[in-house]
Amino acid sequence: MSESLEEKVERLELYVHLLRDIALEPEQYRLWDWIIVHGLNGEQYKQIKAILKKHVLLLGSLKDGEEPSFEEISSELMKVLSPSEYLANERGVMQLLRNAVKMTPFESLQYYLDKSEQV
């Protein structure tokens, strides 16, 4: 799939925006760096943030005995990463989550990393 000039400009504008955060707090914004390194586009960025936010909210509203599965978040993220065979697998999802938990809003997603290590 070839990227149009307009799509490339939009992606590069996104990267400039993300790089501003990275310049201020490189360790906290490792997820943004990961997104840039892997050439993800604006739509993938938005979908990833929406999935991560959804699962943070889900973890915050758990009732006793409820245990969301790693497979659920993993399959959602793999769909977003699916254009890339290199990323659309459990290893790619684990990389994404390891970087995401460095960001304060996504720290609770460590739950899924811990769950995947128990399997």
N, C-alpha and C. Protein backbone atom coordinates (compact mmCIF):
# COMPACT_ATOMS: atom_id res chain seq x y z
N MET A 1 0.84 -1.17 0.00
CA MET A 1 0.00 0.00 0.00
C MET A 1 0.90 1.24 0.00
N SER A 2 0.76 2.01 -1.03
CA SER A 2 1.57 3.22 -1.17
C SER A 2 0.90 4.39 -0.46
N GLU A 3 1.70 5.17 0.19
CA GLU A 3 1.22 6.31 0.96
C GLU A 3 1.20 7.55 0.06
N SER A 4 0.08 8.26 0.05
CA SER A 4 0.00 9.48 -0.74
C SER A 4 0.83 10.58 -0.08
N LEU A 5 1.12 11.61 -0.84
CA LEU A 5 1.89 12.73 -0.30
C LEU A 5 1.14 13.38 0.87
N GLU A 6 -0.17 13.51 0.74
CA GLU A 6 -0.97 14.09 1.82
C GLU A 6 -0.90 13.24 3.09
N GLU A 7 -1.00 11.92 2.93
CA GLU A 7 -0.92 11.02 4.09
C GLU A 7 0.46 11.10 4.75
N LYS A 8 1.48 11.21 3.93
CA LYS A 8 2.85 11.32 4.46
C LYS A 8 3.02 12.60 5.26
N VAL A 9 2.51 13.72 4.73
CA VAL A 9 2.59 14.99 5.43
C VAL A 9 1.84 14.92 6.76
N GLU A 10 0.64 14.33 6.75
CA GLU A 10 -0.13 14.18 7.99
C GLU A 10 0.62 13.35 9.01
N ARG A 11 1.25 12.27 8.55
CA ARG A 11 2.01 11.41 9.45
C ARG A 11 3.20 12.17 10.03
N LEU A 12 3.89 12.92 9.20
CA LEU A 12 5.04 13.68 9.67
C LEU A 12 4.62 14.79 10.63
N GLU A 13 3.48 15.41 10.41
CA GLU A 13 2.98 16.41 11.34
C GLU A 13 2.68 15.77 12.70
N LEU A 14 2.11 14.58 12.68
CA LEU A 14 1.87 13.85 13.92
C LEU A 14 3.20 13.60 14.64
N TYR A 15 4.21 13.17 13.90
CA TYR A 15 5.51 12.87 14.50
C TYR A 15 6.12 14.12 15.14
N VAL A 16 5.99 15.26 14.49
CA VAL A 16 6.51 16.51 15.07
C VAL A 16 5.81 16.78 16.40
N HIS A 17 4.50 16.59 16.41
CA HIS A 17 3.73 16.79 17.65
C HIS A 17 4.23 15.83 18.74
N LEU A 18 4.41 14.57 18.40
CA LEU A 18 4.86 13.57 19.38
C LEU A 18 6.28 13.85 19.85
N LEU A 19 7.12 14.32 18.94
CA LEU A 19 8.52 14.60 19.29
C LEU A 19 8.64 15.72 20.32
N ARG A 20 7.69 16.64 20.32
CA ARG A 20 7.71 17.71 21.34
C ARG A 20 7.57 17.10 22.73
N ASP A 21 6.65 16.15 22.89
CA ASP A 21 6.50 15.48 24.18
C ASP A 21 7.76 14.69 24.54
N ILE A 22 8.29 13.98 23.55
CA ILE A 22 9.48 13.15 23.79
C ILE A 22 10.65 14.02 24.23
N ALA A 23 10.80 15.19 23.63
CA ALA A 23 11.91 16.08 23.98
C ALA A 23 11.83 16.52 25.44
N LEU A 24 10.62 16.69 25.95
CA LEU A 24 10.45 17.14 27.34
C LEU A 24 10.64 16.00 28.35
N GLU A 25 10.09 14.84 28.05
CA GLU A 25 10.12 13.70 28.98
C GLU A 25 10.39 12.41 28.20
N PRO A 26 11.63 12.17 27.77
CA PRO A 26 11.91 11.02 26.89
C PRO A 26 11.47 9.67 27.46
N GLU A 27 11.68 9.45 28.74
CA GLU A 27 11.33 8.14 29.32
C GLU A 27 9.82 7.95 29.40
N GLN A 28 9.11 8.99 29.79
CA GLN A 28 7.66 8.87 29.94
C GLN A 28 6.95 8.69 28.59
N TYR A 29 7.51 9.26 27.55
CA TYR A 29 6.85 9.21 26.24
C TYR A 29 7.48 8.20 25.29
N ARG A 30 7.96 7.11 25.86
CA ARG A 30 8.55 6.05 25.02
C ARG A 30 7.56 5.47 24.04
N LEU A 31 6.27 5.47 24.37
CA LEU A 31 5.27 4.95 23.44
C LEU A 31 5.24 5.80 22.18
N TRP A 32 5.34 7.12 22.31
CA TRP A 32 5.34 7.98 21.13
C TRP A 32 6.55 7.66 20.25
N ASP A 33 7.70 7.44 20.88
CA ASP A 33 8.90 7.06 20.13
C ASP A 33 8.66 5.74 19.40
N TRP A 34 8.06 4.79 20.05
CA TRP A 34 7.78 3.48 19.46
C TRP A 34 6.87 3.65 18.24
N ILE A 35 5.87 4.51 18.35
CA ILE A 35 4.95 4.76 17.24
C ILE A 35 5.70 5.35 16.05
N ILE A 36 6.59 6.30 16.32
CA ILE A 36 7.37 6.92 15.25
C ILE A 36 8.31 5.90 14.61
N VAL A 37 9.04 5.18 15.42
CA VAL A 37 10.01 4.20 14.92
C VAL A 37 9.34 3.17 14.01
N HIS A 38 8.12 2.79 14.34
CA HIS A 38 7.43 1.77 13.56
C HIS A 38 6.55 2.35 12.44
N GLY A 39 6.63 3.65 12.25
CA GLY A 39 5.96 4.28 11.11
C GLY A 39 4.44 4.23 11.14
N LEU A 40 3.87 4.23 12.34
CA LEU A 40 2.42 4.20 12.43
C LEU A 40 1.83 5.54 12.01
N ASN A 41 0.60 5.51 11.52
CA ASN A 41 -0.03 6.74 11.05
C ASN A 41 -0.98 7.32 12.10
N GLY A 42 -1.57 8.45 11.78
CA GLY A 42 -2.45 9.15 12.72
C GLY A 42 -3.65 8.33 13.14
N GLU A 43 -4.22 7.59 12.20
CA GLU A 43 -5.40 6.77 12.54
C GLU A 43 -5.01 5.66 13.51
N GLN A 44 -3.88 5.02 13.27
CA GLN A 44 -3.41 3.97 14.18
C GLN A 44 -3.12 4.55 15.55
N TYR A 45 -2.50 5.72 15.59
CA TYR A 45 -2.21 6.41 16.84
C TYR A 45 -3.50 6.65 17.63
N LYS A 46 -4.52 7.18 16.96
CA LYS A 46 -5.80 7.44 17.63
C LYS A 46 -6.45 6.15 18.13
N GLN A 47 -6.41 5.11 17.31
CA GLN A 47 -7.02 3.84 17.71
C GLN A 47 -6.28 3.22 18.89
N ILE A 48 -4.97 3.29 18.88
CA ILE A 48 -4.19 2.75 20.00
C ILE A 48 -4.53 3.49 21.28
N LYS A 49 -4.55 4.83 21.22
CA LYS A 49 -4.90 5.60 22.42
C LYS A 49 -6.30 5.26 22.91
N ALA A 50 -7.26 5.09 21.99
CA ALA A 50 -8.63 4.75 22.38
C ALA A 50 -8.70 3.38 23.04
N ILE A 51 -7.99 2.42 22.51
CA ILE A 51 -7.97 1.06 23.10
C ILE A 51 -7.34 1.09 24.48
N LEU A 52 -6.21 1.78 24.60
CA LEU A 52 -5.53 1.87 25.90
C LEU A 52 -6.42 2.55 26.92
N LYS A 53 -7.06 3.65 26.53
CA LYS A 53 -7.96 4.36 27.44
C LYS A 53 -9.13 3.48 27.85
N LYS A 54 -9.71 2.77 26.89
CA LYS A 54 -10.84 1.87 27.18
C LYS A 54 -10.45 0.84 28.23
N HIS A 55 -9.26 0.28 28.10
CA HIS A 55 -8.83 -0.76 29.05
C HIS A 55 -8.42 -0.19 30.40
N VAL A 56 -7.93 1.04 30.42
CA VAL A 56 -7.66 1.69 31.71
C VAL A 56 -8.99 1.87 32.45
N LEU A 57 -10.00 2.35 31.74
CA LEU A 57 -11.33 2.54 32.35
C LEU A 57 -11.92 1.21 32.79
N LEU A 58 -11.74 0.18 31.97
CA LEU A 58 -12.24 -1.15 32.31
C LEU A 58 -11.58 -1.66 33.59
N LEU A 59 -10.28 -1.51 33.68
CA LEU A 59 -9.58 -1.95 34.89
C LEU A 59 -10.02 -1.16 36.12
N GLY A 60 -10.34 0.11 35.92
CA GLY A 60 -10.77 0.95 37.04
C GLY A 60 -12.17 0.64 37.52
N SER A 61 -12.95 -0.08 36.71
CA SER A 61 -14.34 -0.36 37.09
C SER A 61 -14.59 -1.84 37.36
N LEU A 62 -13.53 -2.61 37.58
CA LEU A 62 -13.69 -4.04 37.83
C LEU A 62 -14.40 -4.30 39.15
N LYS A 63 -15.24 -5.30 39.12
CA LYS A 63 -15.88 -5.77 40.35
C LYS A 63 -15.09 -6.98 40.85
N ASP A 64 -15.27 -7.31 42.11
CA ASP A 64 -14.55 -8.46 42.68
C ASP A 64 -14.76 -9.70 41.82
N GLY A 65 -13.66 -10.38 41.56
CA GLY A 65 -13.72 -11.63 40.81
C GLY A 65 -13.62 -11.45 39.30
N GLU A 66 -13.77 -10.24 38.79
CA GLU A 66 -13.65 -10.01 37.35
C GLU A 66 -12.18 -9.93 36.98
N GLU A 67 -11.84 -10.59 35.89
CA GLU A 67 -10.46 -10.58 35.42
C GLU A 67 -10.45 -10.44 33.90
N PRO A 68 -10.22 -9.23 33.39
CA PRO A 68 -10.11 -9.09 31.94
C PRO A 68 -8.89 -9.85 31.44
N SER A 69 -8.96 -10.34 30.23
CA SER A 69 -7.87 -11.17 29.73
C SER A 69 -6.91 -10.37 28.85
N PHE A 70 -5.68 -10.83 28.85
CA PHE A 70 -4.66 -10.25 27.98
C PHE A 70 -5.07 -10.44 26.53
N GLU A 71 -5.73 -11.55 26.22
CA GLU A 71 -6.13 -11.84 24.84
C GLU A 71 -7.07 -10.78 24.28
N GLU A 72 -7.92 -10.22 25.13
CA GLU A 72 -8.87 -9.20 24.66
C GLU A 72 -8.14 -7.95 24.19
N ILE A 73 -7.29 -7.38 25.04
CA ILE A 73 -6.56 -6.18 24.64
C ILE A 73 -5.59 -6.50 23.50
N SER A 74 -5.01 -7.68 23.56
CA SER A 74 -4.06 -8.09 22.53
C SER A 74 -4.72 -8.16 21.15
N SER A 75 -5.89 -8.78 21.07
CA SER A 75 -6.55 -8.91 19.77
C SER A 75 -6.98 -7.54 19.23
N GLU A 76 -7.41 -6.65 20.12
CA GLU A 76 -7.80 -5.30 19.68
C GLU A 76 -6.60 -4.55 19.12
N LEU A 77 -5.47 -4.64 19.82
CA LEU A 77 -4.28 -3.94 19.36
C LEU A 77 -3.71 -4.57 18.10
N MET A 78 -3.78 -5.89 17.99
CA MET A 78 -3.28 -6.55 16.78
C MET A 78 -4.04 -6.09 15.54
N LYS A 79 -5.34 -5.85 15.67
CA LYS A 79 -6.12 -5.36 14.53
C LYS A 79 -5.59 -4.02 14.04
N VAL A 80 -5.23 -3.14 14.98
CA VAL A 80 -4.70 -1.83 14.62
C VAL A 80 -3.31 -1.97 14.00
N LEU A 81 -2.53 -2.90 14.50
CA LEU A 81 -1.16 -3.09 14.03
C LEU A 81 -1.08 -4.01 12.81
N SER A 82 -2.21 -4.58 12.40
CA SER A 82 -2.23 -5.63 11.39
C SER A 82 -1.60 -5.30 10.04
N PRO A 83 -1.53 -4.07 9.60
CA PRO A 83 -0.82 -3.88 8.33
C PRO A 83 0.63 -4.33 8.40
N SER A 84 1.19 -4.38 9.59
CA SER A 84 2.59 -4.79 9.77
C SER A 84 2.65 -6.18 10.38
N GLU A 85 3.13 -7.14 9.61
CA GLU A 85 3.28 -8.50 10.15
C GLU A 85 4.26 -8.53 11.31
N TYR A 86 5.24 -7.62 11.26
CA TYR A 86 6.25 -7.56 12.31
C TYR A 86 5.65 -7.16 13.65
N LEU A 87 4.60 -6.31 13.64
CA LEU A 87 4.01 -5.80 14.88
C LEU A 87 2.73 -6.52 15.28
N ALA A 88 1.99 -7.05 14.33
CA ALA A 88 0.67 -7.62 14.60
C ALA A 88 0.79 -9.03 15.17
N ASN A 89 1.40 -9.11 16.33
CA ASN A 89 1.56 -10.39 17.03
C ASN A 89 1.72 -10.09 18.51
N GLU A 90 1.79 -11.13 19.30
CA GLU A 90 1.87 -10.94 20.75
C GLU A 90 3.12 -10.16 21.14
N ARG A 91 4.22 -10.40 20.47
CA ARG A 91 5.47 -9.69 20.78
C ARG A 91 5.31 -8.19 20.54
N GLY A 92 4.68 -7.82 19.42
CA GLY A 92 4.44 -6.42 19.11
C GLY A 92 3.54 -5.75 20.14
N VAL A 93 2.50 -6.46 20.55
CA VAL A 93 1.58 -5.94 21.57
C VAL A 93 2.32 -5.76 22.90
N MET A 94 3.16 -6.71 23.24
CA MET A 94 3.92 -6.61 24.49
C MET A 94 4.85 -5.39 24.44
N GLN A 95 5.50 -5.16 23.30
CA GLN A 95 6.36 -3.98 23.16
C GLN A 95 5.54 -2.71 23.36
N LEU A 96 4.40 -2.66 22.71
CA LEU A 96 3.53 -1.48 22.82
C LEU A 96 3.14 -1.25 24.28
N LEU A 97 2.67 -2.30 24.95
CA LEU A 97 2.23 -2.16 26.34
C LEU A 97 3.38 -1.79 27.29
N ARG A 98 4.55 -2.37 27.06
CA ARG A 98 5.71 -2.03 27.92
C ARG A 98 6.05 -0.55 27.81
N ASN A 99 5.89 0.00 26.63
CA ASN A 99 6.13 1.43 26.45
C ASN A 99 4.98 2.26 26.99
N ALA A 100 3.76 1.79 26.83
CA ALA A 100 2.58 2.54 27.29
C ALA A 100 2.56 2.70 28.80
N VAL A 101 2.96 1.67 29.54
CA VAL A 101 2.87 1.75 31.01
C VAL A 101 3.85 2.77 31.60
N LYS A 102 4.77 3.28 30.80
CA LYS A 102 5.68 4.33 31.25
C LYS A 102 4.94 5.67 31.36
N MET A 103 3.79 5.77 30.68
CA MET A 103 3.00 7.00 30.70
C MET A 103 2.01 6.92 31.86
N THR A 104 1.98 7.94 32.66
CA THR A 104 1.14 7.96 33.86
C THR A 104 -0.30 7.53 33.60
N PRO A 105 -0.98 8.02 32.56
CA PRO A 105 -2.38 7.61 32.37
C PRO A 105 -2.56 6.12 32.09
N PHE A 106 -1.49 5.46 31.63
CA PHE A 106 -1.61 4.06 31.24
C PHE A 106 -0.90 3.09 32.19
N GLU A 107 -0.46 3.56 33.35
CA GLU A 107 0.27 2.71 34.29
C GLU A 107 -0.50 1.46 34.69
N SER A 108 -1.82 1.58 34.83
CA SER A 108 -2.62 0.44 35.28
C SER A 108 -2.62 -0.71 34.27
N LEU A 109 -2.20 -0.45 33.04
CA LEU A 109 -2.15 -1.51 32.04
C LEU A 109 -1.05 -2.53 32.34
N GLN A 110 -0.25 -2.25 33.35
CA GLN A 110 0.74 -3.23 33.81
C GLN A 110 0.04 -4.54 34.16
N TYR A 111 -1.21 -4.45 34.55
CA TYR A 111 -2.03 -5.64 34.86
C TYR A 111 -1.94 -6.65 33.72
N TYR A 112 -2.07 -6.17 32.48
CA TYR A 112 -2.06 -7.08 31.32
C TYR A 112 -0.67 -7.68 31.09
N LEU A 113 0.36 -6.91 31.34
CA LEU A 113 1.71 -7.46 31.21
C LEU A 113 1.93 -8.55 32.25
N ASP A 114 1.49 -8.29 33.47
CA ASP A 114 1.62 -9.30 34.53
C ASP A 114 0.82 -10.55 34.18
N LYS A 115 -0.39 -10.37 33.63
CA LYS A 115 -1.25 -11.50 33.26
C LYS A 115 -0.60 -12.33 32.16
N SER A 116 0.02 -11.66 31.18
CA SER A 116 0.61 -12.39 30.06
C SER A 116 1.83 -13.20 30.51
N GLU A 117 2.53 -12.72 31.53
CA GLU A 117 3.68 -13.45 32.04
C GLU A 117 3.28 -14.68 32.83
N GLN A 118 2.05 -14.69 33.36
CA GLN A 118 1.57 -15.83 34.13
C GLN A 118 1.14 -16.99 33.23
N VAL A 119 0.88 -16.68 31.96
CA VAL A 119 0.38 -17.71 31.04
C VAL A 119 1.49 -18.60 30.57
